[in-house]
N, C-alpha and C. Protein backbone atom coordinates (compact mmCIF):
# COMPACT_ATOMS: atom_id res chain seq x y z
N UNK A 1 0.83 -1.22 0.04
CA UNK A 1 0.01 -0.02 -0.15
C UNK A 1 0.93 1.35 0.00
N UNK A 2 0.48 2.26 -0.77
CA UNK A 2 1.24 3.57 -0.83
C UNK A 2 0.49 4.57 -0.14
N UNK A 3 1.13 5.44 0.62
CA UNK A 3 0.40 6.51 1.18
C UNK A 3 0.64 7.90 0.37
N UNK A 4 1.70 7.87 -0.32
CA UNK A 4 2.07 9.16 -1.22
C UNK A 4 2.60 8.64 -2.61
N UNK A 5 2.73 9.58 -3.40
CA UNK A 5 3.30 9.25 -4.65
C UNK A 5 4.74 9.68 -4.70
N UNK A 6 5.45 9.87 -3.69
CA UNK A 6 6.74 10.62 -3.53
C UNK A 6 7.66 9.55 -4.02
N UNK A 7 8.53 10.04 -4.93
CA UNK A 7 9.80 9.24 -5.39
C UNK A 7 10.86 9.38 -4.35
N UNK A 8 11.34 8.29 -3.79
CA UNK A 8 12.42 8.22 -2.92
C UNK A 8 13.81 8.31 -3.51
N UNK A 9 13.97 7.60 -4.65
CA UNK A 9 15.12 7.57 -5.40
C UNK A 9 15.04 7.13 -6.78
N UNK A 10 15.84 7.18 -7.71
CA UNK A 10 15.90 6.72 -9.06
C UNK A 10 17.24 6.63 -9.37
N UNK A 11 17.47 5.62 -10.37
CA UNK A 11 18.70 5.29 -10.83
C UNK A 11 18.57 4.50 -12.05
N UNK A 12 19.75 4.32 -12.72
CA UNK A 12 19.75 3.44 -13.98
C UNK A 12 20.70 2.23 -13.61
N UNK A 13 20.68 1.23 -14.06
CA UNK A 13 21.58 0.05 -13.86
C UNK A 13 21.99 -0.65 -15.10
N UNK A 14 23.14 -1.26 -15.13
CA UNK A 14 23.55 -1.97 -16.30
C UNK A 14 24.12 -3.31 -15.92
N UNK A 15 23.86 -4.28 -16.68
CA UNK A 15 24.40 -5.59 -16.39
C UNK A 15 25.16 -6.16 -17.63
N UNK A 16 26.37 -6.67 -17.23
CA UNK A 16 27.12 -7.23 -18.40
C UNK A 16 27.55 -8.80 -17.98
N UNK A 17 27.58 -9.56 -18.98
CA UNK A 17 27.97 -10.87 -18.96
C UNK A 17 28.71 -11.37 -20.09
N UNK A 18 29.68 -12.25 -19.76
CA UNK A 18 30.58 -12.81 -20.97
C UNK A 18 30.32 -14.23 -20.87
N UNK A 19 30.25 -14.89 -21.99
CA UNK A 19 30.29 -16.43 -21.93
C UNK A 19 31.36 -16.82 -22.98
N UNK A 20 32.04 -18.09 -22.60
CA UNK A 20 33.11 -18.70 -23.70
C UNK A 20 32.22 -19.50 -24.58
N UNK A 21 30.76 -19.73 -24.42
CA UNK A 21 30.18 -20.61 -25.27
C UNK A 21 29.85 -19.89 -26.64
N UNK A 22 28.94 -20.47 -27.32
CA UNK A 22 28.59 -19.93 -28.82
C UNK A 22 27.67 -18.73 -28.71
N UNK A 23 27.14 -18.27 -27.56
CA UNK A 23 26.18 -17.27 -27.43
C UNK A 23 27.13 -15.93 -27.44
N UNK A 24 28.31 -15.89 -27.05
CA UNK A 24 29.11 -14.63 -27.00
C UNK A 24 28.80 -13.75 -25.70
N UNK A 25 28.83 -12.54 -25.61
CA UNK A 25 28.66 -11.73 -24.65
C UNK A 25 27.42 -10.93 -24.60
N UNK A 26 26.92 -10.48 -23.58
CA UNK A 26 25.67 -9.65 -23.46
C UNK A 26 25.81 -8.50 -22.80
N UNK A 27 25.09 -7.38 -23.06
CA UNK A 27 24.76 -6.13 -22.27
C UNK A 27 23.47 -5.85 -22.22
N UNK A 28 23.02 -5.55 -20.98
CA UNK A 28 21.56 -5.21 -20.79
C UNK A 28 21.52 -3.78 -20.18
N UNK A 29 20.76 -2.86 -20.60
CA UNK A 29 20.62 -1.67 -20.10
C UNK A 29 19.25 -1.08 -20.61
N UNK A 30 18.78 -0.03 -19.97
CA UNK A 30 17.45 0.60 -20.51
C UNK A 30 16.24 -0.29 -20.00
N UNK A 31 15.41 -0.32 -20.93
CA UNK A 31 14.03 -1.04 -20.85
C UNK A 31 14.35 -2.60 -20.69
N UNK A 32 13.58 -3.47 -19.88
CA UNK A 32 13.73 -4.82 -19.95
C UNK A 32 12.77 -5.38 -20.83
N UNK A 33 13.02 -6.55 -21.47
CA UNK A 33 11.93 -7.04 -22.46
C UNK A 33 10.86 -7.55 -21.54
N UNK A 34 9.60 -7.72 -22.23
CA UNK A 34 8.43 -8.05 -21.43
C UNK A 34 8.56 -9.54 -21.02
N UNK A 35 8.93 -10.55 -21.94
CA UNK A 35 9.01 -11.88 -21.60
C UNK A 35 10.41 -12.24 -21.47
N UNK A 36 11.04 -13.03 -20.24
CA UNK A 36 12.31 -13.29 -20.10
C UNK A 36 12.65 -14.63 -20.31
N UNK A 37 11.49 -15.54 -20.50
CA UNK A 37 11.78 -16.90 -20.65
C UNK A 37 12.68 -17.46 -21.86
N UNK A 38 12.73 -16.56 -23.00
CA UNK A 38 13.55 -16.97 -24.06
C UNK A 38 15.13 -16.70 -23.83
N UNK A 39 15.44 -16.16 -22.63
CA UNK A 39 16.84 -15.86 -22.29
C UNK A 39 17.52 -16.82 -21.39
N UNK A 40 16.59 -17.88 -21.12
CA UNK A 40 17.03 -18.84 -19.99
C UNK A 40 18.41 -19.44 -20.43
N UNK A 41 19.29 -19.42 -19.49
CA UNK A 41 20.56 -20.16 -19.61
C UNK A 41 21.45 -19.54 -20.67
N UNK A 42 21.35 -18.10 -20.92
CA UNK A 42 22.07 -17.52 -21.77
C UNK A 42 22.85 -16.25 -21.06
N UNK A 43 23.75 -15.71 -21.79
CA UNK A 43 24.58 -14.44 -21.15
C UNK A 43 23.51 -13.36 -20.83
N UNK A 44 22.46 -13.28 -21.57
CA UNK A 44 21.41 -12.29 -21.48
C UNK A 44 20.85 -12.39 -19.96
N UNK A 45 20.35 -13.75 -19.65
CA UNK A 45 19.96 -14.08 -18.27
C UNK A 45 20.81 -13.59 -17.21
N UNK A 46 22.02 -13.91 -17.40
CA UNK A 46 23.03 -13.55 -16.53
C UNK A 46 23.12 -12.02 -16.29
N UNK A 47 23.10 -11.30 -17.38
CA UNK A 47 23.07 -9.82 -17.37
C UNK A 47 21.92 -9.33 -16.59
N UNK A 48 20.76 -9.91 -16.92
CA UNK A 48 19.39 -9.46 -16.35
C UNK A 48 19.57 -9.70 -14.83
N UNK A 49 20.15 -10.87 -14.34
CA UNK A 49 20.21 -11.11 -12.91
C UNK A 49 21.10 -10.10 -12.26
N UNK A 50 22.25 -9.66 -12.80
CA UNK A 50 23.07 -8.56 -12.36
C UNK A 50 22.24 -7.26 -12.22
N UNK A 51 21.33 -6.90 -13.18
CA UNK A 51 20.55 -5.77 -13.22
C UNK A 51 19.64 -5.82 -12.06
N UNK A 52 18.95 -6.87 -11.84
CA UNK A 52 18.00 -7.05 -10.95
C UNK A 52 18.64 -6.93 -9.44
N UNK A 53 19.79 -7.62 -9.27
CA UNK A 53 20.54 -7.55 -8.10
C UNK A 53 21.06 -6.11 -7.67
N UNK A 54 21.45 -5.49 -8.59
CA UNK A 54 21.94 -3.92 -8.42
C UNK A 54 20.76 -3.03 -8.20
N UNK A 55 19.65 -3.45 -8.79
CA UNK A 55 18.40 -2.54 -8.34
C UNK A 55 17.88 -2.85 -7.12
N UNK A 56 17.87 -4.13 -6.58
CA UNK A 56 17.36 -4.35 -5.19
C UNK A 56 18.31 -3.78 -4.26
N UNK A 57 19.67 -3.90 -4.59
CA UNK A 57 20.65 -3.31 -3.44
C UNK A 57 20.29 -1.79 -3.42
N UNK A 58 20.15 -1.09 -4.59
CA UNK A 58 19.93 0.43 -4.54
C UNK A 58 18.69 0.72 -3.73
N UNK A 59 17.67 -0.01 -4.19
CA UNK A 59 16.37 0.35 -3.36
C UNK A 59 16.53 0.22 -1.86
N UNK A 60 17.16 -1.08 -1.42
CA UNK A 60 17.52 -1.09 0.01
C UNK A 60 18.25 -0.12 0.54
N UNK A 61 19.17 0.49 -0.23
CA UNK A 61 20.14 1.51 0.38
C UNK A 61 19.47 2.71 0.65
N UNK A 62 18.52 3.07 -0.38
CA UNK A 62 17.95 4.36 -0.32
C UNK A 62 16.55 4.52 0.36
N UNK A 63 15.96 3.43 0.69
CA UNK A 63 14.76 3.35 1.65
C UNK A 63 14.99 3.83 3.00
N UNK A 64 14.48 4.85 3.39
CA UNK A 64 14.55 5.28 4.81
C UNK A 64 14.06 4.22 5.81
N UNK A 65 14.80 4.12 6.85
CA UNK A 65 14.34 3.08 7.82
C UNK A 65 12.91 3.12 8.36
N UNK A 66 12.53 4.48 8.38
CA UNK A 66 11.13 4.64 8.98
C UNK A 66 10.01 4.12 7.82
N UNK A 67 10.48 3.84 6.74
CA UNK A 67 9.41 3.15 5.84
C UNK A 67 9.06 1.78 5.88
N UNK A 68 10.02 1.03 6.76
CA UNK A 68 9.96 -0.53 7.01
C UNK A 68 8.84 -0.63 8.23
N UNK A 69 7.87 -1.45 7.89
CA UNK A 69 6.85 -1.89 8.84
C UNK A 69 7.34 -2.81 9.96
N UNK A 70 8.15 -3.59 9.61
CA UNK A 70 8.67 -4.69 10.58
C UNK A 70 10.25 -4.35 10.66
N UNK A 71 10.54 -4.11 12.11
CA UNK A 71 12.00 -3.58 12.32
C UNK A 71 12.38 -4.79 13.16
N UNK A 72 13.85 -4.85 13.04
CA UNK A 72 14.56 -5.89 13.68
C UNK A 72 14.66 -5.77 15.26
């Protein structure tokens, strides 16, 4: 549930992955594709996982403590 439409933080992330297999290397940035199933077990999937991880870490680092409902 949201109480305001305030933007806490915004950023862009990039993910890179290289493979020694036939697929080559991949770079992902900007808009994500709608369906990710076609990228299973490819360098693109690895690059997308890097983007997702970086995004989650950024969101966690920028979210004020008072926004969390359950505290440790």
